[in-house]
Every structure is written in C-alpha cells, then in structure tokens.
PDB file of N, CA and C in Angstrom:
ATOM      1  N   MET A   1     180.807 150.082 128.223  1.00  0.00           N
ATOM      2  CA  MET A   1     181.142 150.573 129.745  1.00  0.00           C
ATOM      3  C   MET A   1     180.999 149.276 130.479  1.00  0.00           C
ATOM      4  N   THR A   2     182.196 149.036 131.660  1.00  0.00           N
ATOM      5  CA  THR A   2     181.558 147.314 131.853  1.00  0.00           C
ATOM      6  C   THR A   2     180.895 147.795 133.105  1.00  0.00           C
ATOM      7  N   TYR A   3     180.406 146.302 133.173  1.00  0.00           N
ATOM      8  CA  TYR A   3     179.605 146.269 134.940  1.00  0.00           C
ATOM      9  C   TYR A   3     180.339 146.617 135.925  1.00  0.00           C
ATOM     10  N   LYS A   4     180.414 146.889 137.303  1.00  0.00           N
ATOM     11  CA  LYS A   4     181.186 147.309 138.407  1.00  0.00           C
ATOM     12  C   LYS A   4     180.279 146.718 139.560  1.00  0.00           C
ATOM     13  N   LEU A   5     180.591 146.056 140.097  1.00  0.00           N
ATOM     14  CA  LEU A   5     180.223 145.519 141.401  1.00  0.00           C
ATOM     15  C   LEU A   5     179.632 146.363 142.329  1.00  0.00           C
ATOM     16  N   GLY A   6     177.977 146.430 142.312  1.00  0.00           N
ATOM     17  CA  GLY A   6     177.285 147.416 143.544  1.00  0.00           C
ATOM     18  C   GLY A   6     177.532 149.000 142.907  1.00  0.00           C
ATOM     19  N   GLN A   7     178.182 148.647 141.484  1.00  0.00           N
ATOM     20  CA  GLN A   7     177.292 149.742 141.203  1.00  0.00           C
ATOM     21  C   GLN A   7     176.294 149.321 139.766  1.00  0.00           C
ATOM     22  N   SER A   8     174.785 150.620 139.982  1.00  0.00           N
ATOM     23  CA  SER A   8     174.150 150.227 139.253  1.00  0.00           C
ATOM     24  C   SER A   8     174.368 150.343 137.996  1.00  0.00           C
ATOM     25  N   GLY A   9     173.936 150.114 136.465  1.00  0.00           N
ATOM     26  CA  GLY A   9     173.808 150.439 135.831  1.00  0.00           C
ATOM     27  C   GLY A   9     173.327 151.573 135.193  1.00  0.00           C
ATOM     28  N   ASN A  10     172.309 152.506 136.071  1.00  0.00           N
ATOM     29  CA  ASN A  10     171.407 153.252 135.410  1.00  0.00           C
ATOM     30  C   ASN A  10     171.419 154.310 137.095  1.00  0.00           C
ATOM     31  N   PRO A  11     172.602 154.934 137.404  1.00  0.00           N
ATOM     32  CA  PRO A  11     172.859 155.281 138.592  1.00  0.00           C
ATOM     33  C   PRO A  11     171.950 156.198 139.377  1.00  0.00           C
ATOM     34  N   TYR A  12     171.350 157.364 138.248  1.00  0.00           N
ATOM     35  CA  TYR A  12     170.381 157.976 138.692  1.00  0.00           C
ATOM     36  C   TYR A  12     168.975 157.545 138.863  1.00  0.00           C
ATOM     37  N   GLY A  13     168.713 157.058 137.796  1.00  0.00           N
ATOM     38  CA  GLY A  13     167.172 156.272 138.073  1.00  0.00           C
ATOM     39  C   GLY A  13     166.176 156.952 138.226  1.00  0.00           C
ATOM     40  N   ARG A  14     164.567 156.144 138.124  1.00  0.00           N
ATOM     41  CA  ARG A  14     163.866 157.364 138.667  1.00  0.00           C
ATOM     42  C   ARG A  14     163.784 158.420 139.242  1.00  0.00           C
ATOM     43  N   PRO A  15     163.633 159.687 138.971  1.00  0.00           N
ATOM     44  CA  PRO A  15     163.726 160.969 140.130  1.00  0.00           C
ATOM     45  C   PRO A  15     162.967 160.667 141.094  1.00  0.00           C
ATOM     46  N   ARG A  16     163.572 160.951 142.240  1.00  0.00           N
ATOM     47  CA  ARG A  16     162.299 160.961 143.545  1.00  0.00           C
ATOM     48  C   ARG A  16     160.939 161.834 143.195  1.00  0.00           C
ATOM     49  N   GLY A  17     160.046 161.310 143.339  1.00  0.00           N
ATOM     50  CA  GLY A  17     158.727 162.118 143.249  1.00  0.00           C
ATOM     51  C   GLY A  17     158.487 161.603 142.158  1.00  0.00           C
ATOM     52  N   ALA A  18     158.801 161.252 140.791  1.00  0.00           N
ATOM     53  CA  ALA A  18     158.111 160.497 139.735  1.00  0.00           C
ATOM     54  C   ALA A  18     157.444 159.866 139.619  1.00  0.00           C
ATOM     55  N   ARG A  19     156.459 160.177 139.058  1.00  0.00           N
ATOM     56  CA  ARG A  19     154.795 159.454 138.778  1.00  0.00           C
ATOM     57  C   ARG A  19     155.043 158.503 137.431  1.00  0.00           C
ATOM     58  N   ASN A  20     154.095 157.576 137.828  1.00  0.00           N
ATOM     59  CA  ASN A  20     153.759 156.819 136.621  1.00  0.00           C
ATOM     60  C   ASN A  20     153.009 156.955 135.240  1.00  0.00           C
ATOM     61  N   ARG A  21     153.338 156.988 134.350  1.00  0.00           N
ATOM     62  CA  ARG A  21     152.348 157.517 133.431  1.00  0.00           C
ATOM     63  C   ARG A  21     151.075 157.041 133.551  1.00  0.00           C
ATOM     64  N   ALA A  22     150.785 155.433 133.927  1.00  0.00           N
ATOM     65  CA  ALA A  22     149.414 154.892 133.741  1.00  0.00           C
ATOM     66  C   ALA A  22     148.781 155.878 134.847  1.00  0.00           C
ATOM     67  N   THR A  23     149.799 156.122 135.496  1.00  0.00           N
ATOM     68  CA  THR A  23     148.607 156.779 137.365  1.00  0.00           C
ATOM     69  C   THR A  23     148.302 158.201 136.730  1.00  0.00           C
ATOM     70  N   VAL A  24     149.043 158.631 135.965  1.00  0.00           N
ATOM     71  CA  VAL A  24     149.215 160.069 135.911  1.00  0.00           C
ATOM     72  C   VAL A  24     147.716 160.373 134.723  1.00  0.00           C
ATOM     73  N   ALA A  25     147.659 159.430 133.691  1.00  0.00           N
ATOM     74  CA  ALA A  25     146.698 159.239 133.000  1.00  0.00           C
ATOM     75  C   ALA A  25     145.561 159.202 133.474  1.00  0.00           C
ATOM     76  N   ALA A  26     144.983 158.008 134.649  1.00  0.00           N
ATOM     77  CA  ALA A  26     144.046 157.696 135.106  1.00  0.00           C
ATOM     78  C   ALA A  26     143.915 158.793 135.899  1.00  0.00           C
ATOM     79  N   GLU A  27     144.453 159.548 136.055  1.00  0.00           N
ATOM     80  CA  GLU A  27     144.311 160.496 137.277  1.00  0.00           C
ATOM     81  C   GLU A  27     143.386 161.566 136.738  1.00  0.00           C
ATOM     82  N   ARG A  28     143.889 161.811 135.149  1.00  0.00           N
ATOM     83  CA  ARG A  28     143.424 162.983 134.371  1.00  0.00           C
ATOM     84  C   ARG A  28     141.851 162.669 133.905  1.00  0.00           C
ATOM     85  N   LEU A  29     141.915 161.244 133.846  1.00  0.00           N
ATOM     86  CA  LEU A  29     140.479 160.746 133.336  1.00  0.00           C
ATOM     87  C   LEU A  29     139.662 160.884 134.228  1.00  0.00           C
ATOM     88  N   LEU A  30     140.104 160.616 135.872  1.00  0.00           N
ATOM     89  CA  LEU A  30     138.810 160.446 136.780  1.00  0.00           C
ATOM     90  C   LEU A  30     138.991 161.860 137.170  1.00  0.00           C
ATOM     91  N   HIS A  31     139.578 162.847 136.463  1.00  0.00           N
ATOM     92  CA  HIS A  31     139.552 164.190 137.685  1.00  0.00           C
ATOM     93  C   HIS A  31     138.191 164.885 137.355  1.00  0.00           C
ATOM     94  N   GLY A  32     137.531 165.161 138.773  1.00  0.00           N
ATOM     95  CA  GLY A  32     136.441 165.493 139.363  1.00  0.00           C
ATOM     96  C   GLY A  32     134.581 164.751 138.453  1.00  0.00           C
ATOM     97  N   GLU A  33     135.459 163.196 138.910  1.00  0.00           N
ATOM     98  CA  GLU A  33     134.730 162.297 139.054  1.00  0.00           C
ATOM     99  C   GLU A  33     134.443 161.469 140.126  1.00  0.00           C
ATOM    100  N   ALA A  34     134.924 161.531 141.158  1.00  0.00           N
ATOM    101  CA  ALA A  34     135.131 161.093 142.318  1.00  0.00           C
ATOM    102  C   ALA A  34     134.032 160.977 143.015  1.00  0.00           C
ATOM    103  N   ASP A  35     133.457 161.955 143.280  1.00  0.00           N
ATOM    104  CA  ASP A  35     132.218 161.935 143.860  1.00  0.00           C
ATOM    105  C   ASP A  35     130.902 160.936 143.140  1.00  0.00           C
ATOM    106  N   ALA A  36     131.108 161.573 142.014  1.00  0.00           N
ATOM    107  CA  ALA A  36     130.187 160.614 141.454  1.00  0.00           C
ATOM    108  C   ALA A  36     130.417 158.877 141.122  1.00  0.00           C
ATOM    109  N   LEU A  37     131.751 158.517 141.183  1.00  0.00           N
ATOM    110  CA  LEU A  37     131.795 156.882 141.272  1.00  0.00           C
ATOM    111  C   LEU A  37     131.837 156.256 143.101  1.00  0.00           C
ATOM    112  N   THR A  38     132.053 157.501 143.667  1.00  0.00           N
ATOM    113  CA  THR A  38     132.014 157.158 145.129  1.00  0.00           C
ATOM    114  C   THR A  38     130.450 156.567 145.157  1.00  0.00           C
ATOM    115  N   ARG A  39     129.362 157.751 144.647  1.00  0.00           N
ATOM    116  CA  ARG A  39     128.049 157.470 144.893  1.00  0.00           C
ATOM    117  C   ARG A  39     127.166 156.572 144.006  1.00  0.00           C
ATOM    118  N   LYS A  40     128.229 156.064 143.082  1.00  0.00           N
ATOM    119  CA  LYS A  40     127.461 155.103 142.250  1.00  0.00           C
ATOM    120  C   LYS A  40     127.517 154.092 142.830  1.00  0.00           C
ATOM    121  N   ALA A  41     129.068 153.554 143.506  1.00  0.00           N
ATOM    122  CA  ALA A  41     129.632 152.486 143.924  1.00  0.00           C
ATOM    123  C   ALA A  41     128.716 152.245 145.512  1.00  0.00           C
ATOM    124  N   ILE A  42     128.378 153.424 146.060  1.00  0.00           N
ATOM    125  CA  ILE A  42     127.370 153.229 147.138  1.00  0.00           C
ATOM    126  C   ILE A  42     126.045 152.957 147.343  1.00  0.00           C
ATOM    127  N   GLU A  43     125.492 153.022 145.528  1.00  0.00           N
ATOM    128  CA  GLU A  43     124.110 152.913 144.952  1.00  0.00           C
ATOM    129  C   GLU A  43     124.024 151.206 144.645  1.00  0.00           C
ATOM    130  N   LEU A  44     125.027 150.749 143.639  1.00  0.00           N
ATOM    131  CA  LEU A  44     125.596 149.652 143.737  1.00  0.00           C
ATOM    132  C   LEU A  44     125.441 148.782 144.732  1.00  0.00           C
ATOM    133  N   ALA A  45     126.315 149.128 145.648  1.00  0.00           N
ATOM    134  CA  ALA A  45     126.643 148.099 146.917  1.00  0.00           C
ATOM    135  C   ALA A  45     124.885 147.648 147.793  1.00  0.00           C
ATOM    136  N   LYS A  46     124.469 149.251 147.646  1.00  0.00           N
ATOM    137  CA  LYS A  46     123.311 149.049 148.410  1.00  0.00           C
ATOM    138  C   LYS A  46     122.206 148.223 147.586  1.00  0.00           C
ATOM    139  N   ASP A  47     122.329 147.955 146.202  1.00  0.00           N
ATOM    140  CA  ASP A  47     121.542 147.203 145.712  1.00  0.00           C
ATOM    141  C   ASP A  47     121.375 145.859 145.443  1.00  0.00           C
ATOM    142  N   GLY A  48     122.859 145.746 146.111  1.00  0.00           N
ATOM    143  CA  GLY A  48     123.124 143.838 146.523  1.00  0.00           C
ATOM    144  C   GLY A  48     124.354 143.494 146.020  1.00  0.00           C
ATOM    145  N   ASP A  49     124.963 144.811 145.261  1.00  0.00           N
ATOM    146  CA  ASP A  49     126.548 144.119 144.322  1.00  0.00           C
ATOM    147  C   ASP A  49     127.152 143.895 145.162  1.00  0.00           C
ATOM    148  N   THR A  50     127.959 142.788 145.660  1.00  0.00           N
ATOM    149  CA  THR A  50     128.975 142.240 146.102  1.00  0.00           C
ATOM    150  C   THR A  50     130.281 142.838 145.980  1.00  0.00           C
ATOM    151  N   THR A  51     130.672 143.328 144.706  1.00  0.00           N
ATOM    152  CA  THR A  51     132.092 143.860 144.921  1.00  0.00           C
ATOM    153  C   THR A  51     131.568 145.021 145.086  1.00  0.00           C
ATOM    154  N   ALA A  52     131.006 145.977 144.836  1.00  0.00           N
ATOM    155  CA  ALA A  52     131.043 147.052 145.511  1.00  0.00           C
ATOM    156  C   ALA A  52     130.719 147.245 146.425  1.00  0.00           C
ATOM    157  N   LEU A  53     130.432 146.117 147.330  1.00  0.00           N
ATOM    158  CA  LEU A  53     130.056 146.310 148.546  1.00  0.00           C
ATOM    159  C   LEU A  53     131.248 146.023 149.747  1.00  0.00           C
ATOM    160  N   ARG A  54     132.036 144.946 149.007  1.00  0.00           N
ATOM    161  CA  ARG A  54     133.152 145.351 149.323  1.00  0.00           C
ATOM    162  C   ARG A  54     134.191 145.762 149.635  1.00  0.00           C
ATOM    163  N   LEU A  55     134.082 146.493 148.032  1.00  0.00           N
ATOM    164  CA  LEU A  55     135.072 147.806 148.183  1.00  0.00           C
ATOM    165  C   LEU A  55     134.715 148.969 149.041  1.00  0.00           C
ATOM    166  N   CYS A  56     133.177 149.420 149.067  1.00  0.00           N
ATOM    167  CA  CYS A  56     133.020 150.505 150.305  1.00  0.00           C
ATOM    168  C   CYS A  56     132.853 150.300 151.689  1.00  0.00           C
ATOM    169  N   ILE A  57     133.296 148.654 151.885  1.00  0.00           N
ATOM    170  CA  ILE A  57     133.486 148.246 153.214  1.00  0.00           C
ATOM    171  C   ILE A  57     134.996 148.443 153.732  1.00  0.00           C
ATOM    172  N   GLU A  58     136.165 148.107 152.791  1.00  0.00           N
ATOM    173  CA  GLU A  58     137.250 147.908 153.357  1.00  0.00           C
ATOM    174  C   GLU A  58     137.348 149.407 152.767  1.00  0.00           C
ATOM    175  N   ARG A  59     136.673 150.389 152.368  1.00  0.00           N
ATOM    176  CA  ARG A  59     137.570 151.590 152.204  1.00  0.00           C
ATOM    177  C   ARG A  59     137.522 152.687 153.608  1.00  0.00           C
ATOM    178  N   ILE A  60     135.554 151.894 154.214  1.00  0.00           N
ATOM    179  CA  ILE A  60     135.198 152.144 155.349  1.00  0.00           C
ATOM    180  C   ILE A  60     136.005 151.699 156.445  1.00  0.00           C
ATOM    181  N   LEU A  61     136.159 150.697 156.465  1.00  0.00           N
ATOM    182  CA  LEU A  61     136.783 149.741 157.816  1.00  0.00           C
ATOM    183  C   LEU A  61     138.185 149.015 157.102  1.00  0.00           C
ATOM    184  N   PRO A  62     139.288 149.716 156.619  1.00  0.00           N
ATOM    185  CA  PRO A  62     140.371 148.385 155.976  1.00  0.00           C
ATOM    186  C   PRO A  62     140.828 147.634 157.775  1.00  0.00           C
ATOM    187  N   ALA A  63     141.525 146.637 157.022  1.00  0.00           N
ATOM    188  CA  ALA A  63     141.654 145.362 157.546  1.00  0.00           C
ATOM    189  C   ALA A  63     142.747 146.293 158.534  1.00  0.00           C
ATOM    190  N   ARG A  64     142.615 146.276 159.707  1.00  0.00           N
ATOM    191  CA  ARG A  64     143.936 146.750 160.969  1.00  0.00           C
ATOM    192  C   ARG A  64     144.467 145.895 160.721  1.00  0.00           C
ATOM    193  N   LYS A  65     145.867 146.170 160.842  1.00  0.00           N
ATOM    194  CA  LYS A  65     147.566 145.619 161.003  1.00  0.00           C
ATOM    195  C   LYS A  65     147.835 145.010 162.169  1.00  0.00           C
ATOM    196  N   ASP A  66     147.281 145.815 163.429  1.00  0.00           N
ATOM    197  CA  ASP A  66     147.766 145.347 164.340  1.00  0.00           C
ATOM    198  C   ASP A  66     147.139 144.604 165.237  1.00  0.00           C
ATOM    199  N   ARG A  67     145.798 144.135 164.901  1.00  0.00           N
ATOM    200  CA  ARG A  67     144.487 142.685 165.165  1.00  0.00           C
ATOM    201  C   ARG A  67     145.251 141.995 165.571  1.00  0.00           C
ATOM    202  N   PRO A  68     145.205 141.135 166.866  1.00  0.00           N
ATOM    203  CA  PRO A  68     146.148 139.660 167.007  1.00  0.00           C
ATOM    204  C   PRO A  68     145.510 138.670 165.805  1.00  0.00           C
ATOM    205  N   VAL A  69     146.216 137.567 165.897  1.00  0.00           N
ATOM    206  CA  VAL A  69     145.768 136.912 164.942  1.00  0.00           C
ATOM    207  C   VAL A  69     145.710 135.571 165.956  1.00  0.00           C
ATOM    208  N   THR A  70     144.312 134.805 165.641  1.00  0.00           N
ATOM    209  CA  THR A  70     143.867 133.692 166.457  1.00  0.00           C
ATOM    210  C   THR A  70     143.779 132.544 165.461  1.00  0.00           C
ATOM    211  N   CYS A  71     144.651 131.429 166.084  1.00  0.00           N
ATOM    212  CA  CYS A  71     144.481 129.897 165.235  1.00  0.00           C
ATOM    213  C   CYS A  71     143.484 128.989 165.946  1.00  0.00           C
ATOM    214  N   HIS A  72     142.370 129.296 166.578  1.00  0.00           N
ATOM    215  CA  HIS A  72     141.448 128.219 166.701  1.00  0.00           C
ATOM    216  C   HIS A  72     141.082 127.315 165.541  1.00  0.00           C
ATOM    217  N   GLU A  73     140.906 127.685 164.096  1.00  0.00           N
ATOM    218  CA  GLU A  73     140.966 126.292 163.669  1.00  0.00           C
ATOM    219  C   GLU A  73     141.638 125.748 162.997  1.00  0.00           C
ATOM    220  N   LEU A  74     142.927 126.077 163.387  1.00  0.00           N
ATOM    221  CA  LEU A  74     143.905 125.506 163.130  1.00  0.00           C
ATOM    222  C   LEU A  74     144.567 124.591 164.322  1.00  0.00           C
ATOM    223  N   ARG A  75     143.983 124.410 165.472  1.00  0.00           N
ATOM    224  CA  ARG A  75     143.752 123.502 166.578  1.00  0.00           C
ATOM    225  C   ARG A  75     143.195 122.625 166.510  1.00  0.00           C
ATOM    226  N   ARG A  76     142.032 122.951 165.577  1.00  0.00           N
ATOM    227  CA  ARG A  76     141.390 121.698 165.688  1.00  0.00           C
ATOM    228  C   ARG A  76     140.909 120.860 164.700  1.00  0.00           C
ATOM    229  N   SER A  77     141.943 121.193 163.468  1.00  0.00           N
ATOM    230  CA  SER A  77     142.286 120.518 162.195  1.00  0.00           C
ATOM    231  C   SER A  77     142.883 119.571 162.478  1.00  0.00           C
ATOM    232  N   PRO A  78     142.261 118.301 161.819  1.00  0.00           N
ATOM    233  CA  PRO A  78     142.196 117.038 162.012  1.00  0.00           C
ATOM    234  C   PRO A  78     143.427 116.655 160.680  1.00  0.00           C
ATOM    235  N   THR A  79     143.962 117.807 159.847  1.00  0.00           N
ATOM    236  CA  THR A  79     145.012 117.299 158.617  1.00  0.00           C
ATOM    237  C   THR A  79     146.257 118.259 159.363  1.00  0.00           C
ATOM    238  N   VAL A  80     146.230 118.900 160.009  1.00  0.00           N
ATOM    239  CA  VAL A  80     147.430 119.786 160.708  1.00  0.00           C
ATOM    240  C   VAL A  80     148.323 119.058 162.105  1.00  0.00           C
ATOM    241  N   SER A  81     149.223 118.176 161.303  1.00  0.00           N
ATOM    242  CA  SER A  81     150.265 117.716 162.790  1.00  0.00           C
ATOM    243  C   SER A  81     150.649 118.952 163.709  1.00  0.00           C
ATOM    244  N   ARG A  82     150.492 118.927 164.952  1.00  0.00           N
ATOM    245  CA  ARG A  82     151.045 119.346 166.129  1.00  0.00           C
ATOM    246  C   ARG A  82     152.115 119.971 165.491  1.00  0.00           C
ATOM    247  N   GLN A  83     153.451 119.358 165.070  1.00  0.00           N
ATOM    248  CA  GLN A  83     154.429 120.575 164.614  1.00  0.00           C
ATOM    249  C   GLN A  83     154.842 121.054 163.199  1.00  0.00           C
ATOM    250  N   GLN A  84     153.240 120.965 162.183  1.00  0.00           N
ATOM    251  CA  GLN A  84     153.044 121.854 161.871  1.00  0.00           C
ATOM    252  C   GLN A  84     152.769 122.976 161.947  1.00  0.00           C
ATOM    253  N   ARG A  85     151.774 122.790 163.319  1.00  0.00           N
ATOM    254  CA  ARG A  85     151.486 124.020 163.771  1.00  0.00           C
ATOM    255  C   ARG A  85     152.137 124.809 164.553  1.00  0.00           C
ATOM    256  N   GLN A  86     153.540 124.382 165.051  1.00  0.00           N
ATOM    257  CA  GLN A  86     154.673 124.316 165.637  1.00  0.00           C
ATOM    258  C   GLN A  86     155.621 125.636 165.049  1.00  0.00           C
ATOM    259  N   LEU A  87     155.569 125.411 163.873  1.00  0.00           N
ATOM    260  CA  LEU A  87     156.393 125.377 163.044  1.00  0.00           C
ATOM    261  C   LEU A  87     155.567 126.635 162.275  1.00  0.00           C
ATOM    262  N   LEU A  88     154.448 126.874 161.936  1.00  0.00           N
ATOM    263  CA  LEU A  88     153.709 127.885 161.347  1.00  0.00           C
ATOM    264  C   LEU A  88     153.808 128.806 162.529  1.00  0.00           C
ATOM    265  N   LEU A  89     153.854 128.813 163.799  1.00  0.00           N
ATOM    266  CA  LEU A  89     153.805 129.911 164.791  1.00  0.00           C
ATOM    267  C   LEU A  89     155.057 130.333 164.891  1.00  0.00           C
ATOM    268  N   ARG A  90     156.120 129.142 164.843  1.00  0.00           N
ATOM    269  CA  ARG A  90     157.510 130.220 164.960  1.00  0.00           C
ATOM    270  C   ARG A  90     157.978 131.565 163.599  1.00  0.00           C
ATOM    271  N   SER A  91     157.135 130.574 162.599  1.00  0.00           N
ATOM    272  CA  SER A  91     157.590 131.329 161.766  1.00  0.00           C
ATOM    273  C   SER A  91     156.635 133.017 161.290  1.00  0.00           C
ATOM    274  N   LEU A  92     155.602 133.064 161.867  1.00  0.00           N
ATOM    275  CA  LEU A  92     154.652 133.979 162.791  1.00  0.00           C
ATOM    276  C   LEU A  92     155.265 134.462 163.144  1.00  0.00           C
ATOM    277  N   MET A  93     155.764 134.329 164.442  1.00  0.00           N
ATOM    278  CA  MET A  93     156.096 135.012 165.432  1.00  0.00           C
ATOM    279  C   MET A  93     157.985 135.832 165.115  1.00  0.00           C
ATOM    280  N   ALA A  94     158.646 134.486 164.210  1.00  0.00           N
ATOM    281  CA  ALA A  94     159.991 135.272 163.845  1.00  0.00           C
ATOM    282  C   ALA A  94     159.767 136.434 162.595  1.00  0.00           C
ATOM    283  N   ASN A  95     158.393 137.147 161.956  1.00  0.00           N
ATOM    284  CA  ASN A  95     158.274 137.855 160.903  1.00  0.00           C
ATOM    285  C   ASN A  95     157.199 138.811 162.117  1.00  0.00           C
TER     286      ASN A  95
END
C-alpha cells in the first residue's frame, strides 16, 4: 500500500467513544472507593498536608478561565523592557 497525500494510514482510527485501557482499569480499581478517598484527602488537608489541601481547593474552586489577567508585576519589573512587555501583551491579545 502506498501513502496517498491527505489519506490516513489508519482510516478508521479509534472508534468514537472508545476508552483508554489504563483509564478503564483505574476506574475498575477505584470503583466504590470515591467517598473514602475523598474523605481521606479532606482529612489529610485538615492535618496540614499541602498537596491534599491543593487538590481539595482545586476541586472546590477551579481556576476560572474568564478571569482577566493583570500585569502589575510586569510593569514594575526592572529586568523587562517596555518592548518586551508590549510584545507579550500583543501575543496574549492575539490568542
């Protein structure tokens, strides 16, 4: 079989809705344990485990995607030139 431009070597690919084997296996292992694991993460967070605390907070208050970005620190930085700031801001606004 020769390669044709614009044609996949695997035209059917992974079927729509097919799940990754590792994900399915992990879900089977954790089935029925979600409540216990969540409770344990909360207990660890309350006991001062910063990783558990971050995990809990990120689930409760995920980072907002629509929050405006402020660049106050960038303005005050002596190591960043005006041209660099303008270039960065133009790039951010373009995307």
